Amino acid sequence: MNKSLPNPLQILIYFVFAAGAVLLAYLTYANLDKGFIFNDEAYYLSYYKNKGESLSFDRTNFFRIFKFLYTPNIYHFRIISITTLVLSNFLLCFSVFRYLNLKGNIFIVSLLGIFLGFESWAISNLIIHQYIGNTILVNTGVSLILISLMTQKQVIQVLAGFVLSFVLFNGNSHSIVIAPIFVFIILCDLKRWKANTIWFLAGFITGIIVYFTFLDTLDNFIYQFRFLKDYLGFHKKQHSKTFMVFWCIYLFLNAVLPAAIAYFLLWKSRFSENSVKILDKVLAVIGIITLGLFICSSEYYIFAFIVFTHLLVVRFWTSKTESRENKYLVLLILIIPYCLAFGSQTWFHLRLPAYKYYYFVLIFICLIRLYKNILWISGYLLAVSFMIYRFPDTLKTKGWKDFIFTEQTEKVKVNGYDLYLDKQRKKDIEDLRPYLQNQSNVIYSSNHLIGYLYILDAHPPIFYYFPLKDYMHYIIKKVGKTPDDYIYLESNDYPFSPKEFVPLKFVNHPEQYKVIKAGRFTLYLPSQYQKK
């Protein structure tokens, strides 16, 4: 941190970051054996459990890359996953702060990365998947690049390239993040850019060779894209061709355009001192608005948050005391979240909470390096303190996870290991066990039910799909089955859409099916059904 900061303020920063990291770590680890996300988490775990042998429409192979960390004990796997994530956050913070030559105790300040790692994921969906996986890979890769630049040991670029090569397979659409990182390697050290590039590419190519030698085959990788092409034909609504166009337009209007206008006006005024002061005042107003929305309306603060962050980066680029290399690094940190969220088929502002870590680190850097005013840092610490204060609410709110931590009191065996669920879901499992335990052919009415299949070792023809009639015909034919080979599982809460998929109209011989009511579920059992 800057020497100009008052010593009491430095101590306050240390205390808030350290207290936040310790408190959130305690609350997270103390609750990792509770609850289960019956859609997304079960989906990700299914690939680890089945070693990726089932059909998939996804463009990710996270379960191949991180299988060395996998354990069927969900509690332990969650611990491994979140610990790996927050340590990669810490490593990036430490290397970035060291590269920028921040004064003070960088180790303690880097606890900001650990705190933000716990806060961003809020004890939710923590097993390693493509989003967490790419964050780990990018954090580690960029850290190694910065360490190489600081120590001038170019051999470290080999390790950086090796790590980042797996981004190509961990989330194929997210691999565009390699482009700005590669540009950064060139621009940040123009004297040695050729050597840095050669070392980096050597590691990158080695990683690709290792992947196709030990983790996957080229034929399977290409097959995924062919299957994806067929899949998109059935799911134009879920994967609209115009989605990414609107995604980019939204980001342009909310982020790029305000920043471009601000920079143009500064350039037109030749970056005069008066124009910079005006930008500071605009930033102060937007910062106050963002902080107010952050505290009072967490649903809408993101829009102001994005504008504030981008204008702050523009302000950083006007600084005459910062080196061009430092400016390139700040710009890279700004761009990384866009790349990691690209192609995720959801709006950026909805995906942002998973990547706000980068923005909070960026904002902290800019405030420390640009402003001497204690009010700026106080506003930042207020936001962080509010995040710490609000975090325990995670244990009492339902949210998208569809469970409340305080209700997870019933011990259930999952993969032979203990996990605590609520009474209703424990009853659901026992209601379904006589019919679904170890069954290999099950079609379910909603992705919210895949968790029951995971726990009962039952298997669908494809994980995480939309139950469209034509699509299911396609999948069933692809695996060499007929509609009459399957059990159909329907939930009272998440039934089949009568306009699209009616089990007894979908099968060839409905008269040979038996309809069973089991708790909150209806099962359609074929004549050849046998209990296992």
Protein backbone atom coordinates (compact mmCIF):
# COMPACT_ATOMS: atom_id res chain seq x y z
CA MET A 1 0.00 0.00 0.00
CA ASN A 2 1.02 3.62 -0.34
CA LYS A 3 3.26 5.16 2.30
CA SER A 4 0.94 8.19 2.22
CA LEU A 5 -1.88 6.22 3.82
CA PRO A 6 -2.21 6.91 7.55
CA ASN A 7 -0.93 4.03 9.64
CA PRO A 8 -4.28 3.54 11.45
CA LEU A 9 -5.98 3.15 8.06
CA GLN A 10 -3.45 0.51 7.00
CA ILE A 11 -4.10 -1.39 10.22
CA LEU A 12 -7.86 -1.14 9.61
CA ILE A 13 -7.41 -2.58 6.10
CA TYR A 14 -5.37 -5.47 7.53
CA PHE A 15 -8.00 -6.13 10.19
CA VAL A 16 -11.00 -6.09 7.84
CA PHE A 17 -9.36 -8.35 5.24
CA ALA A 18 -8.03 -10.80 7.82
CA ALA A 19 -11.26 -10.89 9.84
CA GLY A 20 -13.31 -11.40 6.69
CA ALA A 21 -11.12 -14.26 5.49
CA VAL A 22 -11.17 -16.03 8.87
CA LEU A 23 -14.91 -15.59 9.54
CA LEU A 24 -16.04 -16.64 6.06
CA ALA A 25 -13.63 -19.57 6.04
CA TYR A 26 -15.08 -20.78 9.35
CA LEU A 27 -18.71 -20.46 8.21
CA THR A 28 -17.95 -22.14 4.89
CA TYR A 29 -16.00 -25.14 6.17
CA ALA A 30 -18.44 -25.65 9.05
CA ASN A 31 -21.33 -26.12 6.61
CA LEU A 32 -19.82 -28.03 3.71
CA ASP A 33 -21.33 -31.32 4.87
CA LYS A 34 -24.85 -29.86 4.66
CA GLY A 35 -27.28 -29.63 1.75
CA PHE A 36 -27.10 -30.68 -1.86
CA ILE A 37 -27.95 -28.75 -5.03
CA PHE A 38 -30.12 -31.24 -6.85
CA ASN A 39 -29.63 -29.76 -10.31
CA ASP A 40 -26.27 -28.16 -11.11
CA GLU A 41 -24.11 -29.73 -8.40
CA ALA A 42 -25.51 -33.19 -9.11
CA TYR A 43 -24.88 -32.61 -12.81
CA TYR A 44 -21.22 -31.74 -12.27
CA LEU A 45 -20.65 -34.59 -9.84
CA SER A 46 -22.23 -37.07 -12.25
CA TYR A 47 -19.41 -36.55 -14.72
CA TYR A 48 -16.75 -37.23 -12.12
CA LYS A 49 -18.63 -40.30 -10.94
CA ASN A 50 -19.21 -41.67 -14.45
CA LYS A 51 -15.81 -40.59 -15.79
CA GLY A 52 -17.41 -38.68 -18.63
CA GLU A 53 -18.71 -41.79 -20.35
CA SER A 54 -22.30 -40.51 -20.64
CA LEU A 55 -23.42 -38.30 -23.52
CA SER A 56 -22.88 -34.59 -23.03
CA PHE A 57 -23.74 -31.49 -25.01
CA ASP A 58 -21.36 -29.34 -22.97
CA ARG A 59 -18.12 -27.91 -24.30
CA THR A 60 -16.17 -28.66 -21.17
CA ASN A 61 -14.00 -31.45 -19.82
CA PHE A 62 -13.45 -30.18 -16.29
CA PHE A 63 -13.97 -33.69 -14.92
CA ARG A 64 -10.97 -34.97 -16.90
CA ILE A 65 -8.66 -32.11 -15.94
CA PHE A 66 -9.43 -32.05 -12.22
CA LYS A 67 -10.15 -35.74 -11.64
CA PHE A 68 -6.89 -36.01 -9.67
CA LEU A 69 -8.57 -33.90 -6.97
CA TYR A 70 -11.87 -35.79 -7.03
CA THR A 71 -13.15 -37.92 -4.18
CA PRO A 72 -16.65 -39.48 -3.97
CA ASN A 73 -16.90 -38.02 -0.48
CA ILE A 74 -18.79 -34.83 -1.41
CA TYR A 75 -17.89 -33.12 1.87
CA HIS A 76 -14.17 -33.65 1.27
CA PHE A 77 -14.43 -32.75 -2.40
CA ARG A 78 -16.09 -29.46 -1.51
CA ILE A 79 -13.27 -28.72 0.93
CA ILE A 80 -10.66 -29.51 -1.72
CA SER A 81 -12.47 -27.41 -4.34
CA ILE A 82 -13.01 -24.23 -2.35
CA THR A 83 -9.55 -24.42 -0.80
CA THR A 84 -7.92 -24.71 -4.22
CA LEU A 85 -10.00 -21.78 -5.48
CA VAL A 86 -9.25 -19.37 -2.63
CA LEU A 87 -5.55 -20.27 -2.65
CA SER A 88 -5.42 -19.43 -6.37
CA ASN A 89 -7.14 -16.12 -5.53
CA PHE A 90 -4.53 -15.46 -2.86
CA LEU A 91 -1.69 -16.32 -5.25
CA LEU A 92 -3.00 -13.89 -7.87
CA CYS A 93 -3.48 -11.10 -5.32
CA PHE A 94 0.01 -11.62 -3.91
CA SER A 95 1.71 -11.66 -7.32
CA VAL A 96 -0.29 -8.66 -8.61
CA PHE A 97 0.38 -6.57 -5.50
CA ARG A 98 4.06 -7.53 -5.59
CA TYR A 99 4.30 -6.70 -9.30
CA LEU A 100 2.73 -3.28 -8.63
CA ASN A 101 5.13 -2.83 -5.72
CA LEU A 102 2.44 -2.02 -3.19
CA LYS A 103 3.85 -1.04 0.18
CA GLY A 104 2.92 -2.62 3.48
CA ASN A 105 2.29 -6.25 4.42
CA ILE A 106 1.32 -7.78 1.09
CA PHE A 107 0.67 -11.19 2.63
CA ILE A 108 -2.10 -9.82 4.84
CA VAL A 109 -3.54 -7.60 2.11
CA SER A 110 -3.67 -10.64 -0.20
CA LEU A 111 -6.14 -12.23 2.22
CA LEU A 112 -8.60 -10.10 0.27
CA GLY A 113 -8.46 -12.83 -2.39
CA ILE A 114 -9.33 -15.54 0.12
CA PHE A 115 -12.20 -13.50 1.56
CA LEU A 116 -13.62 -12.75 -1.88
CA GLY A 117 -13.34 -16.40 -2.91
CA PHE A 118 -15.53 -17.53 -0.03
CA GLU A 119 -17.94 -14.61 -0.41
CA SER A 120 -18.43 -14.91 -4.17
CA TRP A 121 -19.55 -18.55 -4.05
CA ALA A 122 -21.43 -18.31 -0.72
CA ILE A 123 -21.14 -22.02 0.17
CA SER A 124 -22.90 -22.85 -3.07
CA ASN A 125 -22.06 -25.28 -5.88
CA LEU A 126 -18.46 -25.52 -4.77
CA ILE A 127 -17.27 -28.72 -6.40
CA ILE A 128 -14.86 -27.95 -9.26
CA HIS A 129 -16.68 -27.34 -12.53
CA GLN A 130 -15.79 -25.30 -15.60
CA TYR A 131 -16.34 -21.91 -13.93
CA ILE A 132 -14.37 -22.60 -10.76
CA GLY A 133 -11.87 -24.63 -12.79
CA ASN A 134 -11.12 -21.83 -15.22
CA THR A 135 -10.77 -19.34 -12.38
CA ILE A 136 -8.17 -21.60 -10.77
CA LEU A 137 -6.30 -22.09 -14.05
CA VAL A 138 -6.32 -18.39 -15.00
CA ASN A 139 -5.34 -17.21 -11.51
CA THR A 140 -2.44 -19.66 -11.41
CA GLY A 141 -1.32 -18.99 -14.98
CA VAL A 142 -1.34 -15.20 -14.68
CA SER A 143 0.44 -15.43 -11.30
CA LEU A 144 3.22 -17.51 -12.87
CA ILE A 145 3.56 -14.99 -15.69
CA LEU A 146 3.95 -12.14 -13.19
CA ILE A 147 6.44 -14.13 -11.12
CA SER A 148 8.45 -14.78 -14.29
CA LEU A 149 8.46 -11.08 -15.13
CA MET A 150 9.48 -10.05 -11.63
CA THR A 151 12.29 -12.62 -11.29
CA GLN A 152 13.25 -12.46 -14.99
CA LYS A 153 13.32 -16.26 -15.01
CA GLN A 154 11.73 -17.04 -18.35
CA VAL A 155 11.56 -20.77 -17.67
CA ILE A 156 8.58 -20.01 -15.40
CA GLN A 157 6.71 -18.97 -18.56
CA VAL A 158 6.75 -22.66 -19.49
CA LEU A 159 4.75 -23.49 -16.36
CA ALA A 160 2.36 -20.62 -17.09
CA GLY A 161 1.75 -21.85 -20.63
CA PHE A 162 1.29 -25.42 -19.42
CA VAL A 163 -1.36 -24.43 -16.87
CA LEU A 164 -3.24 -22.11 -19.23
CA SER A 165 -3.33 -24.69 -22.03
CA PHE A 166 -5.97 -26.63 -20.07
CA VAL A 167 -8.34 -23.67 -20.36
CA LEU A 168 -8.84 -24.80 -23.96
CA PHE A 169 -10.56 -27.95 -22.70
CA ASN A 170 -11.95 -26.90 -19.34
CA GLY A 171 -14.41 -24.50 -20.98
CA ASN A 172 -14.00 -24.22 -24.71
CA SER A 173 -15.90 -20.95 -25.17
CA HIS A 174 -14.02 -19.40 -22.24
CA SER A 175 -10.67 -20.09 -23.89
CA ILE A 176 -10.75 -16.62 -25.47
CA VAL A 177 -9.17 -15.50 -22.19
CA ILE A 178 -5.88 -16.81 -23.60
CA ALA A 179 -5.82 -13.99 -26.18
CA PRO A 180 -5.56 -10.99 -23.78
CA ILE A 181 -3.14 -12.90 -21.56
CA PHE A 182 -0.91 -13.62 -24.56
CA VAL A 183 -1.04 -9.95 -25.63
CA PHE A 184 -0.09 -8.97 -22.07
CA ILE A 185 2.98 -11.24 -22.20
CA ILE A 186 4.14 -9.41 -25.33
CA LEU A 187 3.39 -5.83 -24.25
CA CYS A 188 4.54 -5.97 -20.64
CA ASP A 189 8.17 -6.76 -21.57
CA LEU A 190 8.90 -5.55 -25.08
CA LYS A 191 12.65 -6.16 -24.71
CA ARG A 192 12.18 -9.87 -24.10
CA TRP A 193 8.84 -10.49 -25.79
CA LYS A 194 10.18 -13.02 -28.29
CA ALA A 195 11.86 -15.17 -25.64
CA ASN A 196 8.84 -14.91 -23.31
CA THR A 197 6.54 -15.93 -26.14
CA ILE A 198 8.67 -18.93 -27.11
CA TRP A 199 8.89 -20.19 -23.53
CA PHE A 200 5.16 -19.68 -22.99
CA LEU A 201 4.22 -21.46 -26.21
CA ALA A 202 6.53 -24.33 -25.35
CA GLY A 203 4.61 -24.90 -22.13
CA PHE A 204 1.28 -24.35 -23.88
CA ILE A 205 1.99 -26.98 -26.55
CA THR A 206 3.29 -29.38 -23.90
CA GLY A 207 0.01 -29.04 -22.01
CA ILE A 208 -2.00 -29.86 -25.15
CA ILE A 209 0.15 -32.94 -25.77
CA VAL A 210 -0.27 -34.09 -22.17
CA TYR A 211 -4.04 -33.61 -22.38
CA PHE A 212 -4.49 -35.74 -25.50
CA THR A 213 -1.97 -38.31 -24.29
CA PHE A 214 -3.28 -38.97 -20.79
CA LEU A 215 -6.70 -37.33 -20.30
CA ASP A 216 -8.68 -37.54 -23.54
CA THR A 217 -8.55 -38.49 -27.21
CA LEU A 218 -8.70 -36.17 -30.18
CA ASP A 219 -11.57 -38.20 -31.66
CA ASN A 220 -13.67 -37.75 -28.53
CA PHE A 221 -12.90 -34.04 -28.43
CA ILE A 222 -14.04 -33.57 -32.04
CA TYR A 223 -17.10 -35.76 -31.41
CA GLN A 224 -18.22 -33.34 -28.69
CA PHE A 225 -18.46 -30.54 -31.22
CA ARG A 226 -20.38 -32.68 -33.69
CA PHE A 227 -22.82 -33.64 -30.96
CA LEU A 228 -23.09 -29.99 -29.93
CA LYS A 229 -24.07 -29.04 -33.48
CA ASP A 230 -26.95 -31.55 -33.37
CA TYR A 231 -27.94 -30.41 -29.90
CA LEU A 232 -28.17 -26.74 -30.89
CA GLY A 233 -30.62 -27.70 -33.62
CA PHE A 234 -33.07 -28.89 -30.97
CA HIS A 235 -32.49 -26.04 -28.56
CA LYS A 236 -32.73 -22.80 -30.46
CA LYS A 237 -34.65 -21.20 -27.61
CA GLN A 238 -32.04 -22.10 -24.99
CA HIS A 239 -29.09 -21.39 -27.30
CA SER A 240 -30.29 -18.66 -29.61
CA LYS A 241 -27.87 -17.53 -32.29
CA THR A 242 -28.69 -13.94 -31.39
CA PHE A 243 -27.96 -14.42 -27.70
CA MET A 244 -24.27 -13.57 -27.91
CA VAL A 245 -25.04 -10.56 -30.12
CA PHE A 246 -27.30 -9.11 -27.43
CA TRP A 247 -24.77 -10.16 -24.78
CA CYS A 248 -22.10 -8.10 -26.51
CA ILE A 249 -24.45 -5.17 -27.10
CA TYR A 250 -25.36 -5.12 -23.41
CA LEU A 251 -21.71 -5.07 -22.37
CA PHE A 252 -20.93 -2.39 -24.94
CA LEU A 253 -23.68 -0.09 -23.66
CA ASN A 254 -23.07 -0.75 -19.97
CA ALA A 255 -19.27 -0.91 -19.93
CA VAL A 256 -17.34 -0.13 -23.09
CA LEU A 257 -19.34 2.90 -24.28
CA PRO A 258 -19.17 4.88 -20.98
CA ALA A 259 -15.45 4.17 -20.74
CA ALA A 260 -14.88 5.13 -24.38
CA ILE A 261 -16.80 8.39 -24.00
CA ALA A 262 -14.87 9.29 -20.85
CA TYR A 263 -11.52 8.55 -22.48
CA PHE A 264 -12.47 10.49 -25.62
CA LEU A 265 -13.42 13.56 -23.60
CA LEU A 266 -10.16 13.35 -21.65
CA TRP A 267 -8.18 12.96 -24.86
CA LYS A 268 -9.96 15.90 -26.44
CA SER A 269 -9.03 18.05 -23.44
CA ARG A 270 -5.47 16.69 -23.73
CA PHE A 271 -5.85 15.05 -20.33
CA SER A 272 -5.83 18.42 -18.62
CA GLU A 273 -5.75 18.56 -14.86
CA ASN A 274 -9.20 20.14 -14.79
CA SER A 275 -10.77 17.35 -16.89
CA VAL A 276 -9.21 14.71 -14.64
CA LYS A 277 -10.67 16.44 -11.58
CA ILE A 278 -14.10 16.41 -13.25
CA LEU A 279 -13.74 12.65 -13.83
CA ASP A 280 -12.82 12.24 -10.16
CA LYS A 281 -16.03 13.99 -9.16
CA VAL A 282 -18.07 11.83 -11.55
CA LEU A 283 -16.43 8.73 -10.09
CA ALA A 284 -17.19 9.90 -6.57
CA VAL A 285 -20.89 10.31 -7.41
CA ILE A 286 -21.13 6.95 -9.20
CA GLY A 287 -19.17 5.34 -6.37
CA ILE A 288 -21.64 6.65 -3.77
CA ILE A 289 -24.56 5.45 -5.90
CA THR A 290 -22.93 2.03 -6.32
CA LEU A 291 -22.26 1.70 -2.61
CA GLY A 292 -25.83 2.73 -1.78
CA LEU A 293 -27.28 0.21 -4.21
CA PHE A 294 -24.87 -2.45 -2.96
CA ILE A 295 -26.15 -2.04 0.58
CA CYS A 296 -29.83 -1.40 -0.17
CA SER A 297 -30.52 -3.24 -3.44
CA SER A 298 -28.08 -6.04 -4.19
CA GLU A 299 -30.13 -6.96 -7.27
CA TYR A 300 -29.43 -3.73 -9.16
CA TYR A 301 -26.06 -2.52 -7.88
CA ILE A 302 -24.24 -4.49 -10.58
CA PHE A 303 -25.17 -2.05 -13.34
CA ALA A 304 -23.61 0.90 -11.51
CA PHE A 305 -20.76 -1.34 -10.34
CA ILE A 306 -19.73 -2.16 -13.91
CA VAL A 307 -19.81 1.49 -15.00
CA PHE A 308 -17.83 2.57 -11.92
CA THR A 309 -15.15 -0.08 -12.45
CA HIS A 310 -14.59 0.79 -16.09
CA LEU A 311 -14.42 4.53 -15.47
CA LEU A 312 -11.96 3.86 -12.65
CA VAL A 313 -9.72 2.00 -15.09
CA VAL A 314 -9.93 4.98 -17.46
CA ARG A 315 -8.84 7.17 -14.57
CA PHE A 316 -5.93 4.82 -13.83
CA TRP A 317 -4.79 5.12 -17.43
CA THR A 318 -4.65 8.92 -17.09
CA SER A 319 -2.15 8.64 -14.26
CA LYS A 320 1.26 10.05 -15.17
CA THR A 321 2.99 8.19 -12.35
CA GLU A 322 1.94 4.68 -13.34
CA SER A 323 4.05 2.71 -15.78
CA ARG A 324 2.55 1.40 -18.99
CA GLU A 325 3.18 -2.15 -17.73
CA ASN A 326 1.04 -1.47 -14.65
CA LYS A 327 -1.72 -0.09 -16.85
CA TYR A 328 -1.63 -3.20 -19.02
CA LEU A 329 -2.00 -5.37 -15.92
CA VAL A 330 -5.01 -3.42 -14.65
CA LEU A 331 -6.60 -3.67 -18.09
CA LEU A 332 -5.99 -7.43 -18.16
CA ILE A 333 -7.70 -7.86 -14.78
CA LEU A 334 -10.66 -5.89 -16.14
CA ILE A 335 -10.95 -8.06 -19.26
CA ILE A 336 -10.60 -11.50 -17.61
CA PRO A 337 -14.21 -11.69 -16.26
CA TYR A 338 -15.65 -10.97 -19.71
CA CYS A 339 -13.67 -13.84 -21.19
CA LEU A 340 -14.52 -16.30 -18.41
CA ALA A 341 -18.22 -15.49 -18.72
CA PHE A 342 -18.24 -15.63 -22.53
CA GLY A 343 -20.47 -18.32 -24.02
CA SER A 344 -22.01 -19.31 -20.67
CA GLN A 345 -25.52 -18.73 -22.06
CA THR A 346 -26.53 -16.32 -19.32
CA TRP A 347 -26.30 -12.54 -19.08
CA PHE A 348 -23.02 -11.17 -17.85
CA HIS A 349 -24.56 -9.33 -14.91
CA LEU A 350 -26.06 -12.65 -13.74
CA ARG A 351 -22.70 -14.44 -14.03
CA LEU A 352 -20.74 -11.53 -12.54
CA PRO A 353 -21.06 -12.61 -8.86
CA ALA A 354 -18.79 -15.55 -9.64
CA TYR A 355 -16.13 -13.20 -11.02
CA LYS A 356 -16.57 -10.05 -8.97
CA TYR A 357 -13.33 -11.03 -7.24
CA TYR A 358 -11.41 -9.50 -10.14
CA TYR A 359 -13.34 -6.25 -9.92
CA PHE A 360 -12.85 -5.83 -6.19
CA VAL A 361 -9.12 -6.47 -6.57
CA LEU A 362 -8.99 -3.99 -9.44
CA ILE A 363 -10.92 -1.33 -7.51
CA PHE A 364 -8.65 -1.77 -4.49
CA ILE A 365 -5.55 -1.29 -6.66
CA CYS A 366 -6.93 1.86 -8.28
CA LEU A 367 -8.03 3.44 -5.01
CA ILE A 368 -4.71 2.72 -3.31
CA ARG A 369 -2.63 3.99 -6.20
CA LEU A 370 -4.69 7.00 -7.29
CA TYR A 371 -6.22 8.63 -4.23
CA LYS A 372 -4.86 9.92 -0.95
CA ASN A 373 -8.34 10.72 0.37
CA ILE A 374 -9.31 8.52 3.30
CA LEU A 375 -12.96 8.64 2.16
CA TRP A 376 -12.25 6.49 -0.92
CA ILE A 377 -10.69 3.68 1.12
CA SER A 378 -13.36 4.03 3.80
CA GLY A 379 -16.06 3.53 1.19
CA TYR A 380 -14.31 0.39 -0.06
CA LEU A 381 -13.92 -0.98 3.46
CA LEU A 382 -17.60 -0.23 4.12
CA ALA A 383 -18.59 -2.36 1.13
CA VAL A 384 -16.30 -5.19 2.23
CA SER A 385 -17.54 -4.97 5.83
CA PHE A 386 -21.12 -5.15 4.61
CA MET A 387 -20.27 -8.31 2.67
CA ILE A 388 -18.83 -9.83 5.85
CA TYR A 389 -21.87 -8.76 7.89
CA ARG A 390 -24.31 -10.16 5.33
CA PHE A 391 -22.57 -13.49 4.73
CA PRO A 392 -24.15 -15.37 7.69
CA ASP A 393 -27.57 -14.76 6.06
CA THR A 394 -26.52 -17.44 3.57
CA LEU A 395 -27.30 -20.02 6.23
CA LYS A 396 -30.88 -18.79 6.62
CA THR A 397 -31.96 -18.00 3.06
CA LYS A 398 -33.21 -20.45 0.45
CA GLY A 399 -32.01 -18.73 -2.69
CA TRP A 400 -31.44 -20.64 -5.93
CA LYS A 401 -29.85 -23.52 -4.00
CA ASP A 402 -33.38 -24.66 -3.10
CA PHE A 403 -32.45 -25.57 0.47
CA ILE A 404 -31.79 -23.85 3.80
CA PHE A 405 -28.62 -24.80 5.68
CA THR A 406 -30.27 -24.77 9.10
CA GLU A 407 -32.75 -27.43 7.94
CA GLN A 408 -30.08 -29.91 6.83
CA THR A 409 -30.22 -32.19 9.87
CA GLU A 410 -30.88 -35.68 8.46
CA LYS A 411 -27.91 -37.93 7.77
CA VAL A 412 -28.00 -39.59 4.35
CA LYS A 413 -25.43 -41.89 2.76
CA VAL A 414 -24.23 -40.57 -0.61
CA ASN A 415 -21.57 -42.69 -2.33
CA GLY A 416 -21.19 -44.41 1.02
CA TYR A 417 -20.34 -41.20 2.89
CA ASP A 418 -22.41 -39.05 5.24
CA LEU A 419 -24.14 -35.91 3.99
CA TYR A 420 -26.84 -33.96 5.82
CA LEU A 421 -30.09 -33.19 4.00
CA ASP A 422 -33.50 -31.91 5.06
CA LYS A 423 -36.26 -34.28 6.15
CA GLN A 424 -38.31 -33.89 2.96
CA ARG A 425 -35.48 -34.84 0.64
CA LYS A 426 -34.47 -37.74 2.83
CA LYS A 427 -38.06 -38.98 2.55
CA ASP A 428 -38.00 -38.40 -1.22
CA ILE A 429 -34.91 -40.58 -1.51
CA GLU A 430 -36.51 -43.40 0.46
CA ASP A 431 -39.73 -43.10 -1.57
CA LEU A 432 -37.79 -43.44 -4.81
CA ARG A 433 -35.19 -45.98 -3.71
CA PRO A 434 -37.33 -49.12 -4.38
CA TYR A 435 -37.83 -48.03 -8.00
CA LEU A 436 -34.67 -46.14 -9.00
CA GLN A 437 -31.78 -47.68 -7.07
CA ASN A 438 -29.11 -48.72 -9.63
CA GLN A 439 -31.51 -48.32 -12.56
CA SER A 440 -29.68 -47.51 -15.78
CA ASN A 441 -32.45 -46.02 -17.95
CA VAL A 442 -34.36 -43.12 -16.39
CA ILE A 443 -35.84 -40.02 -18.03
CA TYR A 444 -36.79 -37.27 -15.59
CA SER A 445 -39.15 -34.32 -15.93
CA SER A 446 -36.77 -31.60 -14.74
CA ASN A 447 -33.08 -30.99 -14.12
CA HIS A 448 -34.05 -30.44 -10.47
CA LEU A 449 -34.42 -34.22 -10.14
CA ILE A 450 -30.97 -35.27 -11.28
CA GLY A 451 -29.78 -35.16 -7.68
CA TYR A 452 -32.06 -38.07 -6.78
CA LEU A 453 -30.63 -40.10 -9.65
CA TYR A 454 -27.09 -39.27 -8.53
CA ILE A 455 -27.73 -40.36 -4.95
CA LEU A 456 -29.53 -43.57 -6.01
CA ASP A 457 -26.95 -44.49 -8.70
CA ALA A 458 -29.57 -44.24 -11.43
CA HIS A 459 -28.59 -43.05 -14.89
CA PRO A 460 -30.36 -41.01 -17.59
CA PRO A 461 -29.51 -41.27 -21.30
CA ILE A 462 -27.96 -37.79 -21.07
CA PHE A 463 -27.26 -35.45 -18.16
CA TYR A 464 -28.83 -32.01 -17.93
CA TYR A 465 -31.18 -31.82 -20.85
CA PHE A 466 -34.43 -30.10 -21.69
CA PRO A 467 -37.19 -32.76 -22.00
CA LEU A 468 -38.30 -32.00 -25.53
CA LYS A 469 -40.02 -34.84 -27.34
CA ASP A 470 -38.07 -34.67 -30.59
CA TYR A 471 -34.77 -34.27 -28.77
CA MET A 472 -35.41 -37.29 -26.54
CA HIS A 473 -36.27 -39.40 -29.60
CA TYR A 474 -32.92 -38.35 -31.05
CA ILE A 475 -30.98 -39.19 -27.87
CA ILE A 476 -32.72 -42.54 -27.33
CA LYS A 477 -31.97 -43.60 -30.89
CA LYS A 478 -28.36 -42.44 -30.49
CA VAL A 479 -27.79 -44.76 -27.51
CA GLY A 480 -29.49 -47.69 -29.25
CA LYS A 481 -32.65 -47.79 -27.15
CA THR A 482 -36.39 -47.33 -27.67
CA PRO A 483 -38.79 -45.17 -25.63
CA ASP A 484 -40.20 -48.35 -24.04
CA ASP A 485 -36.83 -49.17 -22.44
CA TYR A 486 -37.06 -46.28 -19.98
CA ILE A 487 -38.51 -45.46 -16.60
CA TYR A 488 -40.11 -41.99 -16.56
CA LEU A 489 -39.83 -39.94 -13.39
CA GLU A 490 -42.13 -36.98 -12.80
CA SER A 491 -42.21 -34.61 -9.85
CA ASN A 492 -45.28 -32.83 -8.51
CA ASP A 493 -43.16 -29.70 -8.19
CA TYR A 494 -41.49 -30.01 -11.61
CA PRO A 495 -43.80 -32.00 -13.92
CA PHE A 496 -43.37 -32.75 -17.61
CA SER A 497 -44.73 -30.03 -19.88
CA PRO A 498 -48.04 -31.40 -21.24
CA LYS A 499 -47.52 -29.40 -24.43
CA GLU A 500 -44.20 -31.07 -25.11
CA PHE A 501 -43.71 -34.36 -23.31
CA VAL A 502 -46.36 -36.80 -22.04
CA PRO A 503 -44.74 -40.13 -21.06
CA LEU A 504 -47.65 -42.42 -22.01
CA LYS A 505 -47.97 -40.68 -25.38
CA PHE A 506 -44.23 -40.75 -25.92
CA VAL A 507 -43.79 -44.52 -25.53
CA ASN A 508 -44.81 -47.03 -28.19
CA HIS A 509 -46.84 -49.33 -25.92
CA PRO A 510 -48.46 -47.31 -23.11
CA GLU A 511 -50.63 -50.31 -22.17
CA GLN A 512 -47.49 -52.08 -20.95
CA TYR A 513 -46.61 -49.30 -18.50
CA LYS A 514 -47.53 -49.24 -14.84
CA VAL A 515 -48.12 -45.88 -13.12
CA ILE A 516 -46.86 -45.70 -9.53
CA LYS A 517 -47.28 -42.88 -7.01
CA ALA A 518 -44.34 -42.53 -4.64
CA GLY A 519 -44.53 -39.56 -2.30
CA ARG A 520 -44.18 -36.38 -4.35
CA PHE A 521 -43.40 -38.33 -7.51
CA THR A 522 -45.11 -40.30 -10.26
CA LEU A 523 -43.19 -43.13 -11.90
CA TYR A 524 -44.03 -44.78 -15.21
CA LEU A 525 -42.55 -48.28 -15.14
CA PRO A 526 -42.16 -50.43 -18.29
CA SER A 527 -43.22 -54.08 -18.36
CA GLN A 528 -39.59 -55.26 -18.35
CA TYR A 529 -38.86 -53.24 -15.22
CA GLN A 530 -37.12 -55.22 -12.48
CA LYS A 531 -36.14 -54.04 -9.02
CA LYS A 532 -32.40 -54.10 -8.43
